[in-house]
N, C-alpha and C. Protein backbone atom coordinates (compact mmCIF):
# COMPACT_ATOMS: atom_id res chain seq x y z
N GLN A 1 -22.16 -147.83 -73.00
CA GLN A 1 -21.18 -147.44 -74.62
C GLN A 1 -21.33 -146.97 -75.71
N LEU A 2 -21.96 -148.18 -76.47
CA LEU A 2 -22.39 -148.39 -77.43
C LEU A 2 -23.83 -147.32 -77.19
N HIS A 3 -24.85 -148.05 -75.93
CA HIS A 3 -26.47 -147.21 -76.11
C HIS A 3 -25.58 -145.78 -75.53
N LEU A 4 -24.68 -145.12 -74.98
CA LEU A 4 -24.36 -143.92 -75.50
C LEU A 4 -23.69 -143.43 -76.87
N THR A 5 -22.88 -144.61 -77.55
CA THR A 5 -22.49 -143.54 -78.66
C THR A 5 -23.74 -143.92 -80.18
N THR A 6 -24.69 -144.60 -79.84
CA THR A 6 -25.92 -144.36 -80.91
C THR A 6 -27.07 -143.14 -80.21
N SER A 7 -27.24 -143.56 -78.73
CA SER A 7 -27.58 -141.80 -78.77
C SER A 7 -27.03 -140.66 -79.61
N GLU A 8 -25.23 -140.53 -79.22
CA GLU A 8 -24.71 -139.50 -79.28
C GLU A 8 -25.36 -139.10 -80.67
N LYS A 9 -25.13 -140.55 -81.53
CA LYS A 9 -25.40 -140.50 -83.10
C LYS A 9 -26.67 -139.76 -83.65
N ASN A 10 -28.08 -140.18 -82.86
CA ASN A 10 -28.89 -139.76 -83.27
C ASN A 10 -29.08 -138.39 -83.21
N GLU A 11 -28.43 -138.28 -81.67
CA GLU A 11 -28.48 -135.92 -81.41
C GLU A 11 -28.14 -135.88 -82.02
N LEU A 12 -27.25 -136.13 -82.82
CA LEU A 12 -25.97 -135.89 -83.95
C LEU A 12 -26.48 -135.49 -85.29
N ALA A 13 -27.46 -136.48 -85.44
CA ALA A 13 -28.49 -136.95 -87.23
C ALA A 13 -29.38 -135.93 -86.87
N ARG A 14 -30.18 -135.11 -86.13
CA ARG A 14 -30.93 -134.72 -85.44
C ARG A 14 -30.88 -133.39 -85.94
N SER A 15 -29.54 -133.06 -85.03
CA SER A 15 -28.82 -131.57 -85.27
C SER A 15 -28.56 -131.62 -86.42
N LEU A 16 -28.13 -132.05 -87.40
CA LEU A 16 -27.83 -132.25 -89.26
C LEU A 16 -28.65 -131.70 -89.50
N GLU A 17 -30.03 -132.54 -89.62
CA GLU A 17 -31.31 -132.67 -89.99
C GLU A 17 -31.83 -131.43 -89.85
N MET A 18 -31.29 -130.35 -88.70
CA MET A 18 -32.15 -129.53 -88.11
C MET A 18 -31.52 -128.49 -89.21
N VAL A 19 -29.87 -128.62 -88.91
CA VAL A 19 -29.28 -127.92 -89.46
C VAL A 19 -29.06 -127.86 -91.06
N GLN A 20 -29.15 -128.60 -91.63
CA GLN A 20 -30.15 -128.83 -93.53
C GLN A 20 -31.09 -128.04 -93.60
N ASN A 21 -32.09 -128.36 -92.63
CA ASN A 21 -33.87 -127.75 -93.16
C ASN A 21 -33.28 -125.54 -92.59
N GLN A 22 -32.75 -126.06 -91.60
CA GLN A 22 -32.17 -123.88 -91.10
C GLN A 22 -31.65 -123.44 -92.84
N LEU A 23 -30.53 -124.97 -93.67
CA LEU A 23 -29.94 -124.02 -94.97
C LEU A 23 -30.95 -123.94 -96.06
N GLN A 24 -31.70 -124.90 -96.26
CA GLN A 24 -32.35 -125.52 -96.71
C GLN A 24 -33.68 -123.93 -96.87
N GLU A 25 -34.60 -123.59 -95.61
CA GLU A 25 -34.99 -122.36 -95.48
C GLU A 25 -34.14 -121.00 -96.23
N LYS A 26 -32.83 -120.89 -95.43
CA LYS A 26 -32.04 -119.85 -95.95
C LYS A 26 -32.10 -120.20 -97.52
N GLU A 27 -31.63 -121.12 -97.94
CA GLU A 27 -31.80 -121.37 -98.73
C GLU A 27 -33.34 -120.28 -100.29
N SER A 28 -34.25 -121.12 -100.12
CA SER A 28 -35.34 -120.34 -100.31
C SER A 28 -35.85 -119.31 -100.27
N GLU A 29 -35.41 -118.38 -98.91
CA GLU A 29 -35.73 -117.36 -98.94
C GLU A 29 -34.92 -116.65 -99.85
N ILE A 30 -33.60 -116.96 -99.40
CA ILE A 30 -32.95 -116.06 -100.70
C ILE A 30 -32.73 -116.20 -101.84
N LYS A 31 -33.19 -117.57 -102.79
CA LYS A 31 -33.50 -117.40 -104.04
C LYS A 31 -34.95 -116.68 -103.91
N ARG A 32 -35.88 -116.50 -102.71
CA ARG A 32 -37.46 -116.06 -103.40
C ARG A 32 -36.79 -114.05 -103.22
N LYS A 33 -35.39 -114.13 -102.60
CA LYS A 33 -35.42 -112.69 -101.99
C LYS A 33 -34.55 -112.25 -103.58
N ILE A 34 -33.69 -113.38 -104.68
CA ILE A 34 -33.08 -112.51 -105.89
C ILE A 34 -33.94 -113.07 -107.05
N THR A 35 -35.02 -113.73 -106.24
CA THR A 35 -36.38 -113.01 -107.41
C THR A 35 -36.90 -112.14 -107.02
N GLU A 36 -37.46 -112.05 -106.37
CA GLU A 36 -37.78 -110.24 -106.55
C GLU A 36 -37.10 -109.24 -106.46
N TYR A 37 -35.70 -108.97 -106.23
CA TYR A 37 -34.60 -108.12 -106.51
C TYR A 37 -34.78 -107.93 -107.91
N LYS A 38 -34.85 -109.31 -108.57
CA LYS A 38 -35.11 -109.07 -110.65
C LYS A 38 -35.91 -108.23 -110.89
N ASP A 39 -36.86 -108.70 -110.65
CA ASP A 39 -38.31 -108.80 -110.77
C ASP A 39 -38.40 -107.21 -110.37
N LYS A 40 -37.81 -106.67 -109.60
CA LYS A 40 -37.80 -105.37 -109.56
C LYS A 40 -36.82 -104.69 -109.70
N LEU A 41 -35.90 -104.95 -110.43
CA LEU A 41 -34.64 -104.34 -111.11
C LEU A 41 -34.83 -104.54 -112.56
N LEU A 42 -35.73 -105.59 -112.78
CA LEU A 42 -36.24 -105.63 -114.81
C LEU A 42 -37.49 -104.05 -114.12
N GLN A 43 -38.43 -103.86 -113.24
CA GLN A 43 -39.31 -103.52 -113.67
C GLN A 43 -38.86 -101.70 -113.74
N ALA A 44 -37.54 -101.80 -112.71
CA ALA A 44 -36.87 -100.21 -113.13
C ALA A 44 -36.55 -100.15 -114.11
N GLU A 45 -35.89 -100.99 -114.53
CA GLU A 45 -35.23 -100.90 -116.26
C GLU A 45 -36.08 -100.30 -116.98
N LYS A 46 -37.58 -101.38 -116.78
CA LYS A 46 -38.29 -101.04 -118.04
C LYS A 46 -38.84 -99.71 -117.47
N GLU A 47 -39.46 -99.36 -115.82
CA GLU A 47 -39.26 -97.52 -116.05
C GLU A 47 -38.46 -96.65 -116.88
N HIS A 48 -37.08 -97.19 -116.94
CA HIS A 48 -35.98 -96.61 -116.71
C HIS A 48 -36.28 -96.33 -118.42
N GLN A 49 -36.23 -97.27 -118.94
CA GLN A 49 -36.46 -97.68 -120.70
C GLN A 49 -37.59 -96.60 -120.89
N ASP A 50 -38.77 -96.90 -120.55
CA ASP A 50 -39.63 -95.74 -120.60
C ASP A 50 -40.22 -94.48 -120.29
N ALA A 51 -39.34 -94.08 -119.68
CA ALA A 51 -39.42 -92.38 -119.49
C ALA A 51 -37.28 -91.83 -120.56
N LEU A 52 -36.75 -92.49 -121.10
CA LEU A 52 -35.99 -92.62 -122.09
C LEU A 52 -36.46 -92.28 -123.06
N THR A 53 -37.73 -93.14 -123.50
CA THR A 53 -38.29 -93.72 -124.81
C THR A 53 -39.23 -92.43 -124.70
N GLU A 54 -40.06 -92.04 -123.90
CA GLU A 54 -40.42 -90.62 -123.30
C GLU A 54 -39.49 -89.25 -124.46
N ALA A 55 -39.26 -89.08 -122.80
CA ALA A 55 -37.68 -88.16 -123.24
C ALA A 55 -37.47 -87.76 -124.83
N ASN A 56 -36.83 -88.80 -125.45
CA ASN A 56 -36.59 -88.77 -126.62
C ASN A 56 -37.11 -88.22 -127.47
N GLN A 57 -38.68 -88.59 -127.55
CA GLN A 57 -39.85 -88.23 -128.32
C GLN A 57 -39.96 -87.26 -128.08
N LYS A 58 -40.14 -86.36 -127.07
CA LYS A 58 -40.63 -85.15 -126.65
C LYS A 58 -39.35 -84.41 -127.35
N ASN A 59 -38.37 -84.33 -127.00
CA ASN A 59 -36.79 -83.92 -127.94
C ASN A 59 -37.00 -84.30 -129.21
N GLU A 60 -37.35 -85.14 -130.09
CA GLU A 60 -37.71 -84.79 -131.24
C GLU A 60 -38.69 -83.70 -131.85
N VAL A 61 -39.38 -84.24 -130.74
CA VAL A 61 -41.05 -83.38 -131.42
C VAL A 61 -40.41 -81.42 -130.80
N GLU A 62 -39.37 -81.13 -130.16
CA GLU A 62 -38.83 -80.21 -129.96
C GLU A 62 -37.84 -79.39 -130.77
N ILE A 63 -37.04 -80.33 -131.47
CA ILE A 63 -36.11 -80.48 -132.00
C ILE A 63 -36.65 -79.94 -133.84
N GLU A 64 -37.85 -80.93 -133.76
CA GLU A 64 -39.04 -80.01 -134.99
C GLU A 64 -38.88 -79.23 -134.83
N ALA A 65 -39.44 -78.80 -134.19
CA ALA A 65 -40.26 -77.85 -133.77
C ALA A 65 -39.24 -76.34 -133.86
N CYS A 66 -38.24 -76.77 -133.20
CA CYS A 66 -36.81 -75.70 -133.94
C CYS A 66 -36.86 -75.36 -135.14
N TYR A 67 -36.60 -76.41 -135.76
CA TYR A 67 -35.99 -76.31 -137.19
C TYR A 67 -37.46 -76.03 -137.99
N GLU A 68 -38.21 -76.10 -137.77
CA GLU A 68 -39.87 -75.18 -138.74
C GLU A 68 -39.29 -73.73 -138.65
N LYS A 69 -39.90 -73.16 -136.89
CA LYS A 69 -38.94 -71.95 -136.39
C LYS A 69 -37.80 -71.34 -137.17
N ILE A 70 -36.31 -72.18 -137.49
CA ILE A 70 -35.20 -71.61 -137.80
C ILE A 70 -36.06 -71.05 -139.30
N SER A 71 -36.53 -72.04 -139.73
CA SER A 71 -36.56 -72.25 -141.20
C SER A 71 -37.86 -70.72 -141.75
N SER A 72 -38.28 -70.98 -140.50
CA SER A 72 -39.66 -69.59 -141.24
C SER A 72 -38.88 -68.48 -140.49
N LEU A 73 -37.58 -67.99 -140.01
CA LEU A 73 -36.86 -67.26 -139.27
C LEU A 73 -36.51 -67.12 -141.19
N GLU A 74 -35.44 -67.89 -141.40
CA GLU A 74 -34.85 -67.46 -142.66
C GLU A 74 -35.33 -67.49 -143.87
N HIS A 75 -36.76 -67.90 -143.99
CA HIS A 75 -38.27 -66.86 -145.10
C HIS A 75 -38.48 -66.04 -144.86
N PHE A 76 -38.16 -65.38 -143.21
CA PHE A 76 -38.98 -64.45 -143.06
C PHE A 76 -38.13 -63.52 -142.97
N ILE A 77 -36.16 -63.01 -143.05
CA ILE A 77 -35.24 -62.41 -143.29
C ILE A 77 -35.18 -61.98 -144.46
N SER A 78 -35.30 -63.85 -145.36
CA SER A 78 -35.46 -63.54 -146.99
C SER A 78 -36.40 -62.30 -147.42
N SER A 79 -37.43 -62.70 -146.88
CA SER A 79 -38.17 -61.34 -147.08
C SER A 79 -37.94 -60.52 -147.25
N GLN A 80 -37.58 -59.91 -145.48
CA GLN A 80 -36.98 -58.61 -145.53
C GLN A 80 -36.49 -58.41 -145.77
N LYS A 81 -34.88 -59.48 -146.73
CA LYS A 81 -33.80 -58.46 -147.25
C LYS A 81 -34.42 -58.02 -148.71
N LEU A 82 -35.14 -58.48 -149.12
CA LEU A 82 -35.89 -58.34 -150.60
C LEU A 82 -36.61 -56.80 -150.37
N GLU A 83 -37.17 -56.75 -149.32
CA GLU A 83 -38.22 -55.42 -149.36
C GLU A 83 -37.37 -54.94 -149.27
N ILE A 84 -35.98 -54.93 -148.18
CA ILE A 84 -34.93 -53.55 -148.22
C ILE A 84 -34.57 -53.20 -149.63
N GLU A 85 -34.36 -54.16 -150.18
CA GLU A 85 -33.58 -54.27 -151.50
C GLU A 85 -34.74 -53.13 -152.29
N HIS A 86 -35.93 -53.53 -151.94
CA HIS A 86 -37.38 -53.06 -153.28
C HIS A 86 -37.20 -51.79 -152.62
N LEU A 87 -37.12 -51.34 -151.59
CA LEU A 87 -37.15 -49.60 -150.75
C LEU A 87 -36.46 -48.87 -151.31
N LYS A 88 -34.89 -49.98 -151.33
CA LYS A 88 -33.60 -49.15 -151.87
C LYS A 88 -33.58 -48.07 -153.59
N SER A 89 -34.38 -49.48 -153.62
CA SER A 89 -35.30 -49.29 -155.17
C SER A 89 -35.35 -48.10 -155.50
N ASN A 90 -36.68 -47.94 -154.91
CA ASN A 90 -37.56 -47.19 -154.98
C ASN A 90 -37.46 -45.92 -153.86
N LYS A 91 -36.11 -45.55 -153.48
CA LYS A 91 -36.03 -44.88 -152.95
C LYS A 91 -34.51 -43.79 -153.96
N GLU A 92 -34.10 -44.78 -154.41
CA GLU A 92 -33.17 -43.93 -155.46
C GLU A 92 -33.96 -43.39 -156.81
N GLN A 93 -35.04 -44.47 -157.11
CA GLN A 93 -35.92 -43.62 -157.86
C GLN A 93 -36.79 -42.37 -158.11
N LEU A 94 -36.72 -42.28 -156.56
CA LEU A 94 -37.79 -41.05 -155.75
C LEU A 94 -36.77 -40.19 -155.88
N ASN A 95 -35.43 -40.52 -155.37
CA ASN A 95 -34.41 -39.39 -155.52
C ASN A 95 -34.35 -38.76 -156.91
N ASN A 96 -34.35 -39.63 -157.81
CA ASN A 96 -33.74 -39.51 -159.21
C ASN A 96 -34.91 -38.39 -160.09
N SER A 97 -35.93 -39.19 -159.53
CA SER A 97 -37.12 -37.69 -160.08
C SER A 97 -37.17 -36.78 -159.02
N LEU A 98 -36.83 -36.79 -158.10
CA LEU A 98 -36.59 -34.87 -157.15
C LEU A 98 -35.79 -34.55 -157.75
N LYS A 99 -34.41 -35.12 -157.92
CA LYS A 99 -33.91 -34.07 -159.09
C LYS A 99 -34.03 -34.01 -160.18
N GLU A 100 -34.70 -34.91 -161.44
CA GLU A 100 -35.46 -34.33 -161.55
C GLU A 100 -36.38 -33.23 -161.38
N ALA A 101 -36.83 -33.25 -161.20
CA ALA A 101 -37.95 -32.29 -160.62
C ALA A 101 -37.18 -30.88 -160.22
N ASN A 102 -36.73 -31.05 -159.22
CA ASN A 102 -35.83 -30.00 -159.44
C ASN A 102 -35.18 -28.90 -160.04
N GLN A 103 -34.99 -29.95 -160.93
CA GLN A 103 -34.09 -29.45 -162.34
C GLN A 103 -34.43 -28.27 -162.86
N ALA A 104 -35.60 -29.10 -163.51
CA ALA A 104 -37.38 -27.90 -163.97
C ALA A 104 -37.39 -26.97 -163.32
N LEU A 105 -37.48 -27.38 -162.40
CA LEU A 105 -38.21 -26.18 -161.66
C LEU A 105 -37.41 -25.26 -161.96
N GLU A 106 -35.93 -25.49 -161.89
CA GLU A 106 -34.68 -24.62 -161.87
C GLU A 106 -35.23 -23.71 -163.28
N GLU A 107 -35.66 -24.77 -164.46
CA GLU A 107 -35.12 -24.12 -165.15
C GLU A 107 -36.77 -23.25 -165.51
N LEU A 108 -37.95 -23.62 -165.31
CA LEU A 108 -38.94 -23.04 -164.85
C LEU A 108 -38.28 -21.69 -164.60
N LEU A 109 -37.52 -21.66 -162.91
CA LEU A 109 -37.66 -20.13 -162.72
C LEU A 109 -36.20 -19.46 -163.28
N LYS A 110 -35.42 -20.29 -164.07
CA LYS A 110 -34.75 -18.97 -165.08
C LYS A 110 -35.46 -18.43 -166.18
N THR A 111 -36.53 -19.25 -166.88
CA THR A 111 -37.51 -19.22 -168.26
C THR A 111 -38.24 -17.53 -167.47
N LYS A 112 -38.63 -17.68 -166.03
CA LYS A 112 -39.60 -16.51 -165.88
C LYS A 112 -38.99 -15.48 -165.30
N VAL A 113 -37.95 -15.59 -164.96
CA VAL A 113 -36.53 -14.94 -164.69
C VAL A 113 -36.67 -13.64 -166.39
N ARG A 114 -36.24 -14.32 -166.71
CA ARG A 114 -36.05 -13.70 -167.76
C ARG A 114 -36.97 -12.68 -169.09
């Protein structure tokens, strides 16, 4: 009986040791995978951050170009408004000169008719 119990105890001890070894192997494998996934996550986060930074820089450049274009267009519009005012003034002067010339012509024609 004692021999049988000792034998069972030894067998159980070997089984326990095997199970403990298997658990340690599983734990090591899980830790290795966790480390691998953490590394992949860090890499993905870095790539994501790099892409965001690049996109932000590109957007800032495009926004600055848009502001410059708006400023340029505002300047152009302003100069066109000044040009329109100048042309209106010239038109007014030309109309006045034409009226004066027509009046002078009428006076000359009246003088000539007499």
